[in-house]
PDB file of N, CA and C in Angstrom:
ATOM      1  N   THR A   1      52.226 106.128  21.165  1.00  0.00           N
ATOM      2  CA  THR A   1      51.111 106.792  21.843  1.00  0.00           C
ATOM      3  C   THR A   1      50.321 107.593  20.813  1.00  0.00           C
ATOM      4  N   GLN A   2      49.208 108.163  21.207  1.00  0.00           N
ATOM      5  CA  GLN A   2      48.411 108.961  20.280  1.00  0.00           C
ATOM      6  C   GLN A   2      49.061 110.312  19.974  1.00  0.00           C
ATOM      7  N   TYR A   3      50.098 110.701  20.730  1.00  0.00           N
ATOM      8  CA  TYR A   3      50.760 111.979  20.511  1.00  0.00           C
ATOM      9  C   TYR A   3      52.109 111.837  19.810  1.00  0.00           C
ATOM     10  N   SER A   4      52.564 110.627  19.634  1.00  0.00           N
ATOM     11  CA  SER A   4      53.898 110.403  19.098  1.00  0.00           C
ATOM     12  C   SER A   4      53.935 109.092  18.330  1.00  0.00           C
ATOM     13  N   PHE A   5      54.831 108.982  17.361  1.00  0.00           N
ATOM     14  CA  PHE A   5      55.032 107.734  16.638  1.00  0.00           C
ATOM     15  C   PHE A   5      55.891 106.755  17.414  1.00  0.00           C
ATOM     16  N   SER A   6      56.333 107.131  18.595  1.00  0.00           N
ATOM     17  CA  SER A   6      57.172 106.263  19.420  1.00  0.00           C
ATOM     18  C   SER A   6      56.346 105.651  20.542  1.00  0.00           C
ATOM     19  N   ALA A   7      56.978 104.811  21.352  1.00  0.00           N
ATOM     20  CA  ALA A   7      56.319 104.215  22.514  1.00  0.00           C
ATOM     21  C   ALA A   7      56.485 105.081  23.760  1.00  0.00           C
ATOM     22  N   ASP A   8      57.235 106.167  23.660  1.00  0.00           N
ATOM     23  CA  ASP A   8      57.509 107.051  24.791  1.00  0.00           C
ATOM     24  C   ASP A   8      56.580 108.259  24.722  1.00  0.00           C
ATOM     25  N   PRO A   9      55.659 108.431  25.674  1.00  0.00           N
ATOM     26  CA  PRO A   9      54.734 109.564  25.626  1.00  0.00           C
ATOM     27  C   PRO A   9      55.417 110.920  25.779  1.00  0.00           C
ATOM     28  N   ALA A  10      56.655 110.947  26.270  1.00  0.00           N
ATOM     29  CA  ALA A  10      57.376 112.218  26.411  1.00  0.00           C
ATOM     30  C   ALA A  10      57.919 112.711  25.073  1.00  0.00           C
ATOM     31  N   LEU A  11      58.088 111.821  24.100  1.00  0.00           N
ATOM     32  CA  LEU A  11      58.563 112.207  22.771  1.00  0.00           C
ATOM     33  C   LEU A  11      57.359 112.564  21.912  1.00  0.00           C
ATOM     34  N   LYS A  12      57.216 113.835  21.577  1.00  0.00           N
ATOM     35  CA  LYS A  12      56.050 114.298  20.820  1.00  0.00           C
ATOM     36  C   LYS A  12      56.325 114.295  19.322  1.00  0.00           C
ATOM     37  N   CYS A  13      55.268 114.275  18.531  1.00  0.00           N
ATOM     38  CA  CYS A  13      55.276 114.351  17.070  1.00  0.00           C
ATOM     39  C   CYS A  13      55.950 113.141  16.447  1.00  0.00           C
ATOM     40  N   ALA A  14      56.986 113.366  15.625  1.00  0.00           N
ATOM     41  CA  ALA A  14      57.654 112.276  14.899  1.00  0.00           C
ATOM     42  C   ALA A  14      59.137 112.268  15.243  1.00  0.00           C
ATOM     43  N   PRO A  15      59.512 111.736  16.413  1.00  0.00           N
ATOM     44  CA  PRO A  15      60.926 111.721  16.803  1.00  0.00           C
ATOM     45  C   PRO A  15      61.715 110.728  15.937  1.00  0.00           C
ATOM     46  N   GLU A  16      63.039 110.874  15.978  1.00  0.00           N
ATOM     47  CA  GLU A  16      63.916 109.978  15.224  1.00  0.00           C
ATOM     48  C   GLU A  16      64.806 109.194  16.172  1.00  0.00           C
ATOM     49  N   GLY A  17      65.259 108.024  15.732  1.00  0.00           N
ATOM     50  CA  GLY A  17      66.224 107.243  16.495  1.00  0.00           C
ATOM     51  C   GLY A  17      65.680 106.588  17.756  1.00  0.00           C
ATOM     52  N   PHE A  18      64.460 106.127  17.755  1.00  0.00           N
ATOM     53  CA  PHE A  18      63.879 105.472  18.925  1.00  0.00           C
ATOM     54  C   PHE A  18      63.636 104.000  18.619  1.00  0.00           C
ATOM     55  N   ASP A  19      63.506 103.192  19.656  1.00  0.00           N
ATOM     56  CA  ASP A  19      63.161 101.776  19.516  1.00  0.00           C
ATOM     57  C   ASP A  19      61.690 101.599  19.861  1.00  0.00           C
ATOM     58  N   LEU A  20      61.011 100.767  19.101  1.00  0.00           N
ATOM     59  CA  LEU A  20      59.612 100.467  19.353  1.00  0.00           C
ATOM     60  C   LEU A  20      59.532  99.042  19.884  1.00  0.00           C
ATOM     61  N   PRO A  21      59.270  98.869  21.192  1.00  0.00           N
ATOM     62  CA  PRO A  21      59.218  97.517  21.759  1.00  0.00           C
ATOM     63  C   PRO A  21      57.957  96.772  21.307  1.00  0.00           C
ATOM     64  N   ILE A  22      58.146  95.597  20.733  1.00  0.00           N
ATOM     65  CA  ILE A  22      57.038  94.748  20.290  1.00  0.00           C
ATOM     66  C   ILE A  22      56.952  93.583  21.255  1.00  0.00           C
ATOM     67  N   ARG A  23      55.797  93.426  21.917  1.00  0.00           N
ATOM     68  CA  ARG A  23      55.656  92.385  22.930  1.00  0.00           C
ATOM     69  C   ARG A  23      55.111  91.070  22.381  1.00  0.00           C
ATOM     70  N   ASP A  24      54.462  91.113  21.199  1.00  0.00           N
ATOM     71  CA  ASP A  24      53.905  89.891  20.632  1.00  0.00           C
ATOM     72  C   ASP A  24      53.624  90.124  19.156  1.00  0.00           C
ATOM     73  N   ILE A  25      53.598  89.061  18.385  1.00  0.00           N
ATOM     74  CA  ILE A  25      53.204  89.122  16.979  1.00  0.00           C
ATOM     75  C   ILE A  25      52.089  88.104  16.787  1.00  0.00           C
ATOM     76  N   ARG A  26      51.002  88.548  16.182  1.00  0.00           N
ATOM     77  CA  ARG A  26      49.850  87.664  15.967  1.00  0.00           C
ATOM     78  C   ARG A  26      49.574  87.518  14.488  1.00  0.00           C
ATOM     79  N   ALA A  27      48.965  86.395  14.139  1.00  0.00           N
ATOM     80  CA  ALA A  27      48.593  86.136  12.756  1.00  0.00           C
ATOM     81  C   ALA A  27      47.083  86.174  12.608  1.00  0.00           C
ATOM     82  N   SER A  28      46.626  86.884  11.613  1.00  0.00           N
ATOM     83  CA  SER A  28      45.215  86.883  11.247  1.00  0.00           C
ATOM     84  C   SER A  28      45.123  86.043   9.977  1.00  0.00           C
ATOM     85  N   LEU A  29      45.005  84.741  10.156  1.00  0.00           N
ATOM     86  CA  LEU A  29      45.127  83.804   9.047  1.00  0.00           C
ATOM     87  C   LEU A  29      44.021  83.961   8.010  1.00  0.00           C
ATOM     88  N   GLY A  30      42.821  84.239   8.449  1.00  0.00           N
ATOM     89  CA  GLY A  30      41.731  84.408   7.492  1.00  0.00           C
ATOM     90  C   GLY A  30      41.941  85.617   6.597  1.00  0.00           C
ATOM     91  N   ALA A  31      42.473  86.693   7.163  1.00  0.00           N
ATOM     92  CA  ALA A  31      42.731  87.905   6.383  1.00  0.00           C
ATOM     93  C   ALA A  31      44.066  87.828   5.652  1.00  0.00           C
ATOM     94  N   GLY A  32      44.954  86.948   6.117  1.00  0.00           N
ATOM     95  CA  GLY A  32      46.225  86.748   5.441  1.00  0.00           C
ATOM     96  C   GLY A  32      47.320  87.732   5.798  1.00  0.00           C
ATOM     97  N   PHE A  33      47.353  88.191   7.058  1.00  0.00           N
ATOM     98  CA  PHE A  33      48.439  89.076   7.462  1.00  0.00           C
ATOM     99  C   PHE A  33      48.825  88.841   8.916  1.00  0.00           C
ATOM    100  N   ILE A  34      49.988  89.367   9.293  1.00  0.00           N
ATOM    101  CA  ILE A  34      50.436  89.333  10.678  1.00  0.00           C
ATOM    102  C   ILE A  34      50.512  90.773  11.178  1.00  0.00           C
ATOM    103  N   TYR A  35      50.405  90.938  12.499  1.00  0.00           N
ATOM    104  CA  TYR A  35      50.468  92.287  13.063  1.00  0.00           C
ATOM    105  C   TYR A  35      51.155  92.243  14.421  1.00  0.00           C
ATOM    106  N   PRO A  36      51.919  93.301  14.748  1.00  0.00           N
ATOM    107  CA  PRO A  36      52.599  93.363  16.043  1.00  0.00           C
ATOM    108  C   PRO A  36      51.707  93.983  17.109  1.00  0.00           C
ATOM    109  N   LEU A  37      51.929  93.588  18.361  1.00  0.00           N
ATOM    110  CA  LEU A  37      51.282  94.222  19.512  1.00  0.00           C
ATOM    111  C   LEU A  37      52.368  94.960  20.279  1.00  0.00           C
ATOM    112  N   CYS A  38      52.137  96.227  20.538  1.00  0.00           N
ATOM    113  CA  CYS A  38      53.117  97.067  21.222  1.00  0.00           C
ATOM    114  C   CYS A  38      52.535  97.553  22.543  1.00  0.00           C
ATOM    115  N   GLY A  39      53.343  97.557  23.587  1.00  0.00           N
ATOM    116  CA  GLY A  39      52.929  98.084  24.882  1.00  0.00           C
ATOM    117  C   GLY A  39      51.699  97.386  25.434  1.00  0.00           C
ATOM    118  N   ALA A  40      50.720  98.175  25.893  1.00  0.00           N
ATOM    119  CA  ALA A  40      49.500  97.641  26.506  1.00  0.00           C
ATOM    120  C   ALA A  40      48.355  97.575  25.505  1.00  0.00           C
ATOM    121  N   MET A  41      48.667  97.530  24.231  1.00  0.00           N
ATOM    122  CA  MET A  41      47.656  97.481  23.176  1.00  0.00           C
ATOM    123  C   MET A  41      46.760  96.254  23.334  1.00  0.00           C
ATOM    124  N   GLN A  42      45.432  96.449  23.204  1.00  0.00           N
ATOM    125  CA  GLN A  42      44.480  95.352  23.324  1.00  0.00           C
ATOM    126  C   GLN A  42      43.807  95.118  21.983  1.00  0.00           C
ATOM    127  N   THR A  43      43.329  93.895  21.775  1.00  0.00           N
ATOM    128  CA  THR A  43      42.616  93.577  20.544  1.00  0.00           C
ATOM    129  C   THR A  43      41.213  93.088  20.874  1.00  0.00           C
ATOM    130  N   LEU A  44      40.339  93.175  19.900  1.00  0.00           N
ATOM    131  CA  LEU A  44      38.973  92.684  20.060  1.00  0.00           C
ATOM    132  C   LEU A  44      38.897  91.245  19.574  1.00  0.00           C
ATOM    133  N   PRO A  45      37.988  90.464  20.121  1.00  0.00           N
ATOM    134  CA  PRO A  45      37.868  89.083  19.637  1.00  0.00           C
ATOM    135  C   PRO A  45      37.345  89.052  18.205  1.00  0.00           C
ATOM    136  N   GLY A  46      37.692  88.018  17.485  1.00  0.00           N
ATOM    137  CA  GLY A  46      37.241  87.869  16.109  1.00  0.00           C
ATOM    138  C   GLY A  46      35.786  87.447  16.035  1.00  0.00           C
ATOM    139  N   LEU A  47      35.221  87.578  14.874  1.00  0.00           N
ATOM    140  CA  LEU A  47      33.832  87.189  14.666  1.00  0.00           C
ATOM    141  C   LEU A  47      33.758  85.717  14.265  1.00  0.00           C
ATOM    142  N   PRO A  48      32.647  85.067  14.567  1.00  0.00           N
ATOM    143  CA  PRO A  48      32.515  83.660  14.172  1.00  0.00           C
ATOM    144  C   PRO A  48      32.380  83.547  12.651  1.00  0.00           C
ATOM    145  N   THR A  49      32.631  82.367  12.112  1.00  0.00           N
ATOM    146  CA  THR A  49      32.526  82.168  10.667  1.00  0.00           C
ATOM    147  C   THR A  49      31.071  82.117  10.214  1.00  0.00           C
ATOM    148  N   ARG A  50      30.179  81.755  11.108  1.00  0.00           N
ATOM    149  CA  ARG A  50      28.745  81.704  10.788  1.00  0.00           C
ATOM    150  C   ARG A  50      28.013  82.722  11.665  1.00  0.00           C
ATOM    151  N   PRO A  51      27.402  83.768  11.076  1.00  0.00           N
ATOM    152  CA  PRO A  51      26.717  84.780  11.877  1.00  0.00           C
ATOM    153  C   PRO A  51      25.564  84.189  12.684  1.00  0.00           C
ATOM    154  N   CYS A  52      25.349  84.712  13.874  1.00  0.00           N
ATOM    155  CA  CYS A  52      24.325  84.195  14.787  1.00  0.00           C
ATOM    156  C   CYS A  52      22.900  84.495  14.323  1.00  0.00           C
ATOM    157  N   PHE A  53      22.736  85.462  13.422  1.00  0.00           N
ATOM    158  CA  PHE A  53      21.367  85.775  13.002  1.00  0.00           C
ATOM    159  C   PHE A  53      20.721  84.621  12.236  1.00  0.00           C
ATOM    160  N   TYR A  54      21.514  83.660  11.759  1.00  0.00           N
ATOM    161  CA  TYR A  54      20.944  82.481  11.105  1.00  0.00           C
ATOM    162  C   TYR A  54      20.118  81.637  12.085  1.00  0.00           C
ATOM    163  N   ASP A  55      20.393  81.756  13.387  1.00  0.00           N
ATOM    164  CA  ASP A  55      19.697  80.961  14.398  1.00  0.00           C
ATOM    165  C   ASP A  55      18.478  81.668  14.978  1.00  0.00           C
ATOM    166  N   ILE A  56      18.195  82.895  14.551  1.00  0.00           N
ATOM    167  CA  ILE A  56      17.068  83.666  15.082  1.00  0.00           C
ATOM    168  C   ILE A  56      15.898  83.547  14.108  1.00  0.00           C
ATOM    169  N   ASP A  57      14.709  83.327  14.656  1.00  0.00           N
ATOM    170  CA  ASP A  57      13.528  83.158  13.813  1.00  0.00           C
ATOM    171  C   ASP A  57      12.292  83.601  14.592  1.00  0.00           C
ATOM    172  N   VAL A  58      11.192  83.715  13.899  1.00  0.00           N
ATOM    173  CA  VAL A  58       9.906  84.033  14.520  1.00  0.00           C
ATOM    174  C   VAL A  58       9.018  82.800  14.400  1.00  0.00           C
ATOM    175  N   ASP A  59       8.483  82.377  15.550  1.00  0.00           N
ATOM    176  CA  ASP A  59       7.555  81.239  15.561  1.00  0.00           C
ATOM    177  C   ASP A  59       6.235  81.716  14.956  1.00  0.00           C
ATOM    178  N   PRO A  60       5.819  81.152  13.802  1.00  0.00           N
ATOM    179  CA  PRO A  60       4.618  81.661  13.142  1.00  0.00           C
ATOM    180  C   PRO A  60       3.327  81.427  13.934  1.00  0.00           C
ATOM    181  N   GLU A  61       3.312  80.432  14.798  1.00  0.00           N
ATOM    182  CA  GLU A  61       2.100  80.152  15.574  1.00  0.00           C
ATOM    183  C   GLU A  61       1.910  81.109  16.735  1.00  0.00           C
ATOM    184  N   THR A  62       3.002  81.440  17.424  1.00  0.00           N
ATOM    185  CA  THR A  62       2.905  82.298  18.615  1.00  0.00           C
ATOM    186  C   THR A  62       3.366  83.737  18.367  1.00  0.00           C
ATOM    187  N   GLY A  63       4.161  83.942  17.309  1.00  0.00           N
ATOM    188  CA  GLY A  63       4.703  85.273  17.054  1.00  0.00           C
ATOM    189  C   GLY A  63       5.910  85.597  17.920  1.00  0.00           C
ATOM    190  N   ASN A  64       6.378  84.610  18.722  1.00  0.00           N
ATOM    191  CA  ASN A  64       7.538  84.823  19.580  1.00  0.00           C
ATOM    192  C   ASN A  64       8.846  84.685  18.788  1.00  0.00           C
ATOM    193  N   ILE A  65       9.807  85.449  19.202  1.00  0.00           N
ATOM    194  CA  ILE A  65      11.140  85.353  18.595  1.00  0.00           C
ATOM    195  C   ILE A  65      11.891  84.230  19.303  1.00  0.00           C
ATOM    196  N   VAL A  66      12.477  83.327  18.530  1.00  0.00           N
ATOM    197  CA  VAL A  66      13.226  82.212  19.097  1.00  0.00           C
ATOM    198  C   VAL A  66      14.677  82.288  18.634  1.00  0.00           C
ATOM    199  N   GLY A  67      15.573  81.801  19.485  1.00  0.00           N
ATOM    200  CA  GLY A  67      16.979  81.735  19.139  1.00  0.00           C
ATOM    201  C   GLY A  67      17.810  82.919  19.583  1.00  0.00           C
ATOM    202  N   LEU A  68      17.235  83.838  20.345  1.00  0.00           N
ATOM    203  CA  LEU A  68      18.028  84.976  20.823  1.00  0.00           C
ATOM    204  C   LEU A  68      18.923  84.594  21.988  1.00  0.00           C
ATOM    205  N   PHE A  69      18.413  83.771  22.887  1.00  0.00           N
ATOM    206  CA  PHE A  69      19.195  83.451  24.096  1.00  0.00           C
ATOM    207  C   PHE A  69      19.292  81.969  24.295  1.00  0.00           C
TER     208      PHE A  69
END
């Protein structure tokens, strides 16, 4: 939790002799590491390999922006 190094919110600060339940292990292959997920921890989706701004442009004839939607 944000108040303790353990998974038990009742144990404050840095308790000793506790178990940390790991519910899943994920690999971030592009970055080259693995990481555990504990409790109700959520992750954000990864970014695409090609940024979307490459598809956005301005039509020189009309001045309209194309490729946003």
